[in-house]
Amino acid sequence: MLLLLIAVPFTFEYGTSGYFASYVIYSLFLASVGIIIGVSLMWLNDPRREQTTARQEPGKPARMLSGDQQSVVGILSERNGSMWQAELVRETGFTDSKASRLLSRMESEGHIRRIRDGMGKRVELVEDGR
């Protein structure tokens, strides 16, 4: 396709007046394709577009919990909604990094809160998370 776009203007004869017109039409076509591609890329990379899709509206229900998140909520519910993060990691069997990522995501979504208490952290269910 690109080869055809490059070769089209060279198919006309040099002595005709259509030769110049073909270059003008060809240039306008390439410019319009470039503008369309540029606008499309700007729209795809617009940071406001990402924020509107990722942000949770206050009136809408929270998204469903994953299986790992449900197991964390279940364990916290059995323990009256609060326990040490180290105990939670032992009970779930997750690695430290997986538990940290999971709890950070749950905290940002508003399901739990982590409170630093000395050298450890307490994990508590948020009232709406129960």
N, C-alpha and C. Protein backbone atom coordinates (compact mmCIF):
# COMPACT_ATOMS: atom_id res chain seq x y z
N MET A 1 0.83 -1.19 0.00
CA MET A 1 0.00 0.00 0.00
C MET A 1 0.88 1.26 0.00
N LEU A 2 1.88 1.27 0.89
CA LEU A 2 2.78 2.41 0.94
C LEU A 2 3.53 2.56 -0.38
N LEU A 3 3.90 1.44 -0.98
CA LEU A 3 4.60 1.49 -2.26
C LEU A 3 3.72 2.11 -3.34
N LEU A 4 2.44 1.77 -3.34
CA LEU A 4 1.51 2.36 -4.31
C LEU A 4 1.36 3.86 -4.09
N LEU A 5 1.29 4.28 -2.82
CA LEU A 5 1.17 5.71 -2.54
C LEU A 5 2.38 6.49 -3.03
N ILE A 6 3.55 5.90 -2.90
CA ILE A 6 4.76 6.57 -3.36
C ILE A 6 4.86 6.55 -4.88
N ALA A 7 4.41 5.47 -5.52
CA ALA A 7 4.59 5.31 -6.96
C ALA A 7 3.54 6.03 -7.79
N VAL A 8 2.37 6.39 -7.24
CA VAL A 8 1.28 6.98 -8.02
C VAL A 8 1.70 8.24 -8.76
N PRO A 9 2.33 9.22 -8.14
CA PRO A 9 2.66 10.44 -8.89
C PRO A 9 3.62 10.20 -10.04
N PHE A 10 4.42 9.17 -10.00
CA PHE A 10 5.40 8.92 -11.06
C PHE A 10 4.80 8.22 -12.27
N THR A 11 3.53 7.84 -12.18
CA THR A 11 2.90 7.15 -13.31
C THR A 11 2.37 8.12 -14.35
N PHE A 12 2.28 9.41 -14.01
CA PHE A 12 1.78 10.41 -14.96
C PHE A 12 2.93 10.92 -15.84
N GLU A 13 2.58 11.39 -17.03
CA GLU A 13 3.59 11.91 -17.95
C GLU A 13 4.07 13.27 -17.49
N TYR A 14 5.29 13.62 -17.83
CA TYR A 14 5.89 14.88 -17.40
C TYR A 14 5.32 16.09 -18.13
N GLY A 15 4.91 15.94 -19.36
CA GLY A 15 4.49 17.09 -20.16
C GLY A 15 3.06 17.54 -19.90
N THR A 16 2.29 16.80 -19.18
CA THR A 16 0.89 17.16 -19.02
C THR A 16 0.70 18.07 -17.82
N SER A 17 -0.42 18.80 -17.84
CA SER A 17 -0.73 19.70 -16.72
C SER A 17 -1.25 18.89 -15.54
N GLY A 18 -1.68 17.67 -15.76
CA GLY A 18 -2.18 16.82 -14.68
C GLY A 18 -1.08 16.34 -13.76
N TYR A 19 0.16 16.48 -14.21
CA TYR A 19 1.29 16.04 -13.40
C TYR A 19 1.39 16.85 -12.11
N PHE A 20 1.25 18.17 -12.22
CA PHE A 20 1.32 19.03 -11.03
C PHE A 20 0.10 18.78 -10.13
N ALA A 21 -1.05 18.62 -10.74
CA ALA A 21 -2.28 18.39 -9.97
C ALA A 21 -2.20 17.07 -9.19
N SER A 22 -1.58 16.09 -9.78
CA SER A 22 -1.47 14.81 -9.09
C SER A 22 -0.62 14.95 -7.82
N TYR A 23 0.44 15.76 -7.89
CA TYR A 23 1.26 15.98 -6.70
C TYR A 23 0.50 16.74 -5.62
N VAL A 24 -0.33 17.69 -6.01
CA VAL A 24 -1.11 18.46 -5.05
C VAL A 24 -2.11 17.53 -4.36
N ILE A 25 -2.80 16.73 -5.13
CA ILE A 25 -3.78 15.78 -4.56
C ILE A 25 -3.08 14.77 -3.66
N TYR A 26 -1.96 14.28 -4.12
CA TYR A 26 -1.18 13.32 -3.36
C TYR A 26 -0.69 13.93 -2.04
N SER A 27 -0.22 15.17 -2.08
CA SER A 27 0.26 15.84 -0.88
C SER A 27 -0.88 16.07 0.11
N LEU A 28 -2.03 16.50 -0.40
CA LEU A 28 -3.19 16.70 0.48
C LEU A 28 -3.64 15.39 1.12
N PHE A 29 -3.58 14.31 0.36
CA PHE A 29 -3.96 13.00 0.90
C PHE A 29 -3.01 12.59 2.02
N LEU A 30 -1.70 12.70 1.79
CA LEU A 30 -0.74 12.32 2.82
C LEU A 30 -0.84 13.22 4.04
N ALA A 31 -1.08 14.51 3.84
CA ALA A 31 -1.24 15.41 4.97
C ALA A 31 -2.47 15.05 5.80
N SER A 32 -3.58 14.72 5.13
CA SER A 32 -4.79 14.36 5.87
C SER A 32 -4.60 13.05 6.63
N VAL A 33 -3.89 12.10 6.06
CA VAL A 33 -3.61 10.85 6.77
C VAL A 33 -2.75 11.13 7.99
N GLY A 34 -1.76 11.99 7.85
CA GLY A 34 -0.90 12.35 8.99
C GLY A 34 -1.69 13.05 10.09
N ILE A 35 -2.59 13.94 9.71
CA ILE A 35 -3.41 14.64 10.70
C ILE A 35 -4.32 13.65 11.43
N ILE A 36 -4.93 12.74 10.70
CA ILE A 36 -5.81 11.74 11.32
C ILE A 36 -5.03 10.87 12.30
N ILE A 37 -3.85 10.43 11.91
CA ILE A 37 -3.02 9.60 12.80
C ILE A 37 -2.60 10.40 14.03
N GLY A 38 -2.21 11.66 13.84
CA GLY A 38 -1.80 12.50 14.97
C GLY A 38 -2.93 12.73 15.96
N VAL A 39 -4.11 13.05 15.46
CA VAL A 39 -5.27 13.27 16.33
C VAL A 39 -5.63 11.98 17.07
N SER A 40 -5.57 10.87 16.37
CA SER A 40 -5.89 9.58 17.01
C SER A 40 -4.91 9.27 18.14
N LEU A 41 -3.63 9.48 17.91
CA LEU A 41 -2.64 9.22 18.94
C LEU A 41 -2.80 10.17 20.12
N MET A 42 -3.13 11.43 19.85
CA MET A 42 -3.36 12.37 20.95
C MET A 42 -4.56 11.93 21.78
N TRP A 43 -5.61 11.46 21.13
CA TRP A 43 -6.81 11.01 21.84
C TRP A 43 -6.50 9.77 22.68
N LEU A 44 -5.74 8.84 22.13
CA LEU A 44 -5.41 7.62 22.86
C LEU A 44 -4.53 7.89 24.06
N ASN A 45 -3.65 8.89 23.97
CA ASN A 45 -2.71 9.19 25.06
C ASN A 45 -3.19 10.30 25.99
N ASP A 46 -4.43 10.71 25.86
CA ASP A 46 -4.97 11.79 26.70
C ASP A 46 -5.09 11.31 28.14
N PRO A 47 -4.39 11.95 29.10
CA PRO A 47 -4.45 11.48 30.49
C PRO A 47 -5.83 11.66 31.12
N ARG A 48 -6.60 12.64 30.67
CA ARG A 48 -7.95 12.81 31.21
C ARG A 48 -8.84 11.63 30.86
N ARG A 49 -8.61 11.02 29.71
CA ARG A 49 -9.39 9.86 29.28
C ARG A 49 -9.15 8.68 30.23
N GLU A 50 -7.91 8.47 30.68
CA GLU A 50 -7.58 7.40 31.61
C GLU A 50 -8.21 7.62 32.97
N GLN A 51 -8.21 8.85 33.45
CA GLN A 51 -8.75 9.14 34.76
C GLN A 51 -10.25 8.92 34.81
N THR A 52 -10.96 9.24 33.76
CA THR A 52 -12.41 9.08 33.79
C THR A 52 -12.80 7.62 33.76
N THR A 53 -12.02 6.77 33.12
CA THR A 53 -12.38 5.36 33.09
C THR A 53 -11.96 4.63 34.35
N ALA A 54 -10.85 5.07 34.98
CA ALA A 54 -10.34 4.36 36.15
C ALA A 54 -10.99 4.83 37.46
N ARG A 55 -11.50 6.05 37.47
CA ARG A 55 -12.05 6.61 38.70
C ARG A 55 -13.42 5.98 39.00
N GLN A 56 -13.66 5.71 40.27
CA GLN A 56 -14.94 5.14 40.67
C GLN A 56 -15.86 6.27 41.10
N GLU A 57 -17.05 6.31 40.56
CA GLU A 57 -18.03 7.33 40.91
C GLU A 57 -18.60 7.02 42.28
N PRO A 58 -18.84 8.04 43.10
CA PRO A 58 -19.34 7.79 44.46
C PRO A 58 -20.71 7.12 44.50
N GLY A 59 -21.56 7.39 43.54
CA GLY A 59 -22.91 6.81 43.56
C GLY A 59 -22.97 5.38 43.04
N LYS A 60 -21.94 4.96 42.33
CA LYS A 60 -21.95 3.62 41.73
C LYS A 60 -21.41 2.59 42.72
N PRO A 61 -21.89 1.34 42.63
CA PRO A 61 -21.37 0.31 43.53
C PRO A 61 -19.93 -0.02 43.19
N ALA A 62 -19.18 -0.48 44.20
CA ALA A 62 -17.77 -0.84 44.00
C ALA A 62 -17.69 -2.08 43.12
N ARG A 63 -16.57 -2.21 42.43
CA ARG A 63 -16.42 -3.37 41.56
C ARG A 63 -16.26 -4.63 42.41
N MET A 64 -16.51 -5.75 41.79
CA MET A 64 -16.46 -7.01 42.52
C MET A 64 -15.03 -7.32 42.96
N LEU A 65 -14.93 -8.04 44.05
CA LEU A 65 -13.62 -8.40 44.59
C LEU A 65 -13.09 -9.64 43.87
N SER A 66 -11.77 -9.71 43.72
CA SER A 66 -11.14 -10.90 43.15
C SER A 66 -11.14 -12.00 44.21
N GLY A 67 -10.73 -13.18 43.82
CA GLY A 67 -10.68 -14.30 44.75
C GLY A 67 -9.73 -14.05 45.92
N ASP A 68 -8.57 -13.49 45.62
CA ASP A 68 -7.60 -13.18 46.69
C ASP A 68 -8.15 -12.11 47.63
N GLN A 69 -8.81 -11.10 47.05
CA GLN A 69 -9.38 -10.06 47.89
C GLN A 69 -10.51 -10.62 48.76
N GLN A 70 -11.29 -11.52 48.21
CA GLN A 70 -12.36 -12.15 49.00
C GLN A 70 -11.80 -12.96 50.16
N SER A 71 -10.67 -13.65 49.93
CA SER A 71 -10.08 -14.43 51.02
C SER A 71 -9.56 -13.50 52.12
N VAL A 72 -9.00 -12.35 51.76
CA VAL A 72 -8.53 -11.39 52.76
C VAL A 72 -9.73 -10.86 53.56
N VAL A 73 -10.79 -10.48 52.88
CA VAL A 73 -11.98 -9.97 53.57
C VAL A 73 -12.58 -11.05 54.46
N GLY A 74 -12.59 -12.30 54.00
CA GLY A 74 -13.11 -13.39 54.82
C GLY A 74 -12.31 -13.60 56.09
N ILE A 75 -11.00 -13.60 55.98
CA ILE A 75 -10.14 -13.79 57.15
C ILE A 75 -10.30 -12.63 58.12
N LEU A 76 -10.34 -11.40 57.59
CA LEU A 76 -10.52 -10.24 58.45
C LEU A 76 -11.89 -10.25 59.14
N SER A 77 -12.90 -10.72 58.44
CA SER A 77 -14.24 -10.80 59.04
C SER A 77 -14.28 -11.79 60.19
N GLU A 78 -13.57 -12.92 60.04
CA GLU A 78 -13.52 -13.92 61.11
C GLU A 78 -12.81 -13.37 62.35
N ARG A 79 -11.89 -12.43 62.16
CA ARG A 79 -11.11 -11.86 63.26
C ARG A 79 -11.65 -10.51 63.70
N ASN A 80 -12.94 -10.28 63.57
CA ASN A 80 -13.60 -9.04 63.97
C ASN A 80 -13.10 -7.82 63.20
N GLY A 81 -12.66 -8.03 61.98
CA GLY A 81 -12.30 -6.92 61.10
C GLY A 81 -10.94 -6.32 61.29
N SER A 82 -10.07 -6.89 62.13
CA SER A 82 -8.76 -6.29 62.35
C SER A 82 -7.75 -7.36 62.73
N MET A 83 -6.54 -7.25 62.17
CA MET A 83 -5.44 -8.14 62.55
C MET A 83 -4.13 -7.57 62.02
N TRP A 84 -3.02 -8.13 62.52
CA TRP A 84 -1.70 -7.71 62.07
C TRP A 84 -1.50 -8.17 60.63
N GLN A 85 -0.78 -7.37 59.85
CA GLN A 85 -0.52 -7.72 58.46
C GLN A 85 0.32 -8.99 58.36
N ALA A 86 1.28 -9.19 59.25
CA ALA A 86 2.11 -10.40 59.23
C ALA A 86 1.27 -11.65 59.46
N GLU A 87 0.29 -11.56 60.38
CA GLU A 87 -0.60 -12.71 60.62
C GLU A 87 -1.45 -12.99 59.40
N LEU A 88 -1.92 -11.93 58.76
CA LEU A 88 -2.74 -12.08 57.57
C LEU A 88 -1.96 -12.75 56.44
N VAL A 89 -0.69 -12.36 56.30
CA VAL A 89 0.16 -12.97 55.26
C VAL A 89 0.35 -14.46 55.55
N ARG A 90 0.57 -14.82 56.82
CA ARG A 90 0.73 -16.23 57.18
C ARG A 90 -0.56 -17.01 56.90
N GLU A 91 -1.70 -16.43 57.24
CA GLU A 91 -2.98 -17.14 57.07
C GLU A 91 -3.34 -17.33 55.60
N THR A 92 -3.07 -16.34 54.79
CA THR A 92 -3.42 -16.45 53.38
C THR A 92 -2.42 -17.31 52.60
N GLY A 93 -1.17 -17.34 53.06
CA GLY A 93 -0.15 -18.10 52.34
C GLY A 93 0.45 -17.33 51.18
N PHE A 94 0.15 -16.04 51.06
CA PHE A 94 0.72 -15.22 50.00
C PHE A 94 2.17 -14.89 50.34
N THR A 95 2.93 -14.56 49.30
CA THR A 95 4.28 -14.03 49.56
C THR A 95 4.12 -12.61 50.09
N ASP A 96 5.18 -12.09 50.70
CA ASP A 96 5.13 -10.74 51.25
C ASP A 96 4.82 -9.70 50.17
N SER A 97 5.45 -9.84 49.01
CA SER A 97 5.25 -8.85 47.95
C SER A 97 3.83 -8.93 47.39
N LYS A 98 3.31 -10.14 47.20
CA LYS A 98 1.95 -10.28 46.69
C LYS A 98 0.95 -9.70 47.68
N ALA A 99 1.14 -9.99 48.96
CA ALA A 99 0.23 -9.47 49.98
C ALA A 99 0.30 -7.95 50.02
N SER A 100 1.48 -7.39 49.92
CA SER A 100 1.63 -5.94 49.95
C SER A 100 0.93 -5.28 48.77
N ARG A 101 1.12 -5.84 47.58
CA ARG A 101 0.45 -5.30 46.39
C ARG A 101 -1.06 -5.41 46.51
N LEU A 102 -1.53 -6.57 46.97
CA LEU A 102 -2.96 -6.81 47.10
C LEU A 102 -3.58 -5.85 48.13
N LEU A 103 -2.91 -5.71 49.28
CA LEU A 103 -3.44 -4.82 50.32
C LEU A 103 -3.38 -3.36 49.89
N SER A 104 -2.35 -2.99 49.14
CA SER A 104 -2.28 -1.61 48.63
C SER A 104 -3.44 -1.33 47.68
N ARG A 105 -3.73 -2.28 46.81
CA ARG A 105 -4.85 -2.11 45.87
C ARG A 105 -6.17 -2.04 46.63
N MET A 106 -6.33 -2.92 47.63
CA MET A 106 -7.57 -2.91 48.41
C MET A 106 -7.71 -1.62 49.20
N GLU A 107 -6.59 -1.09 49.67
CA GLU A 107 -6.63 0.17 50.42
C GLU A 107 -7.00 1.34 49.52
N SER A 108 -6.46 1.34 48.30
CA SER A 108 -6.79 2.43 47.37
C SER A 108 -8.24 2.35 46.91
N GLU A 109 -8.79 1.14 46.86
CA GLU A 109 -10.20 0.98 46.48
C GLU A 109 -11.14 1.24 47.65
N GLY A 110 -10.59 1.37 48.86
CA GLY A 110 -11.41 1.72 50.01
C GLY A 110 -12.01 0.53 50.75
N HIS A 111 -11.47 -0.68 50.55
CA HIS A 111 -12.00 -1.86 51.24
C HIS A 111 -11.39 -2.03 52.63
N ILE A 112 -10.11 -1.67 52.75
CA ILE A 112 -9.41 -1.83 54.02
C ILE A 112 -8.64 -0.55 54.32
N ARG A 113 -8.06 -0.48 55.52
CA ARG A 113 -7.09 0.57 55.83
C ARG A 113 -5.98 -0.09 56.63
N ARG A 114 -4.76 0.39 56.41
CA ARG A 114 -3.60 -0.13 57.14
C ARG A 114 -3.10 0.98 58.06
N ILE A 115 -2.87 0.61 59.31
CA ILE A 115 -2.43 1.57 60.32
C ILE A 115 -1.09 1.09 60.86
N ARG A 116 -0.07 1.95 60.74
CA ARG A 116 1.24 1.60 61.28
C ARG A 116 1.15 1.64 62.79
N ASP A 117 1.59 0.53 63.41
CA ASP A 117 1.55 0.42 64.87
C ASP A 117 2.90 -0.15 65.30
N GLY A 118 3.81 0.74 65.68
CA GLY A 118 5.14 0.28 66.04
C GLY A 118 5.88 -0.18 64.81
N MET A 119 6.40 -1.41 64.87
CA MET A 119 7.15 -1.96 63.74
C MET A 119 6.25 -2.68 62.73
N GLY A 120 5.00 -2.90 63.06
CA GLY A 120 4.10 -3.62 62.17
C GLY A 120 2.94 -2.75 61.71
N LYS A 121 2.04 -3.37 60.97
CA LYS A 121 0.85 -2.67 60.50
C LYS A 121 -0.37 -3.49 60.86
N ARG A 122 -1.42 -2.80 61.28
CA ARG A 122 -2.70 -3.42 61.51
C ARG A 122 -3.54 -3.23 60.27
N VAL A 123 -4.21 -4.27 59.86
CA VAL A 123 -5.10 -4.21 58.69
C VAL A 123 -6.52 -4.25 59.23
N GLU A 124 -7.33 -3.27 58.84
CA GLU A 124 -8.71 -3.21 59.31
C GLU A 124 -9.65 -3.11 58.12
N LEU A 125 -10.79 -3.78 58.25
CA LEU A 125 -11.82 -3.64 57.24
C LEU A 125 -12.49 -2.27 57.40
N VAL A 126 -12.78 -1.63 56.32
CA VAL A 126 -13.54 -0.39 56.34
C VAL A 126 -15.00 -0.80 56.46
N GLU A 127 -15.80 -0.04 57.16
CA GLU A 127 -17.20 -0.41 57.42
C GLU A 127 -17.96 -0.76 56.15
N ASP A 128 -17.70 -0.02 55.05
CA ASP A 128 -18.37 -0.32 53.78
C ASP A 128 -17.83 -1.60 53.16
N GLY A 129 -16.66 -2.05 53.55
CA GLY A 129 -16.04 -3.24 52.97
C GLY A 129 -16.58 -4.53 53.54
N ARG A 130 -17.33 -4.46 54.63
CA ARG A 130 -17.85 -5.68 55.22
C ARG A 130 -18.99 -6.25 54.45
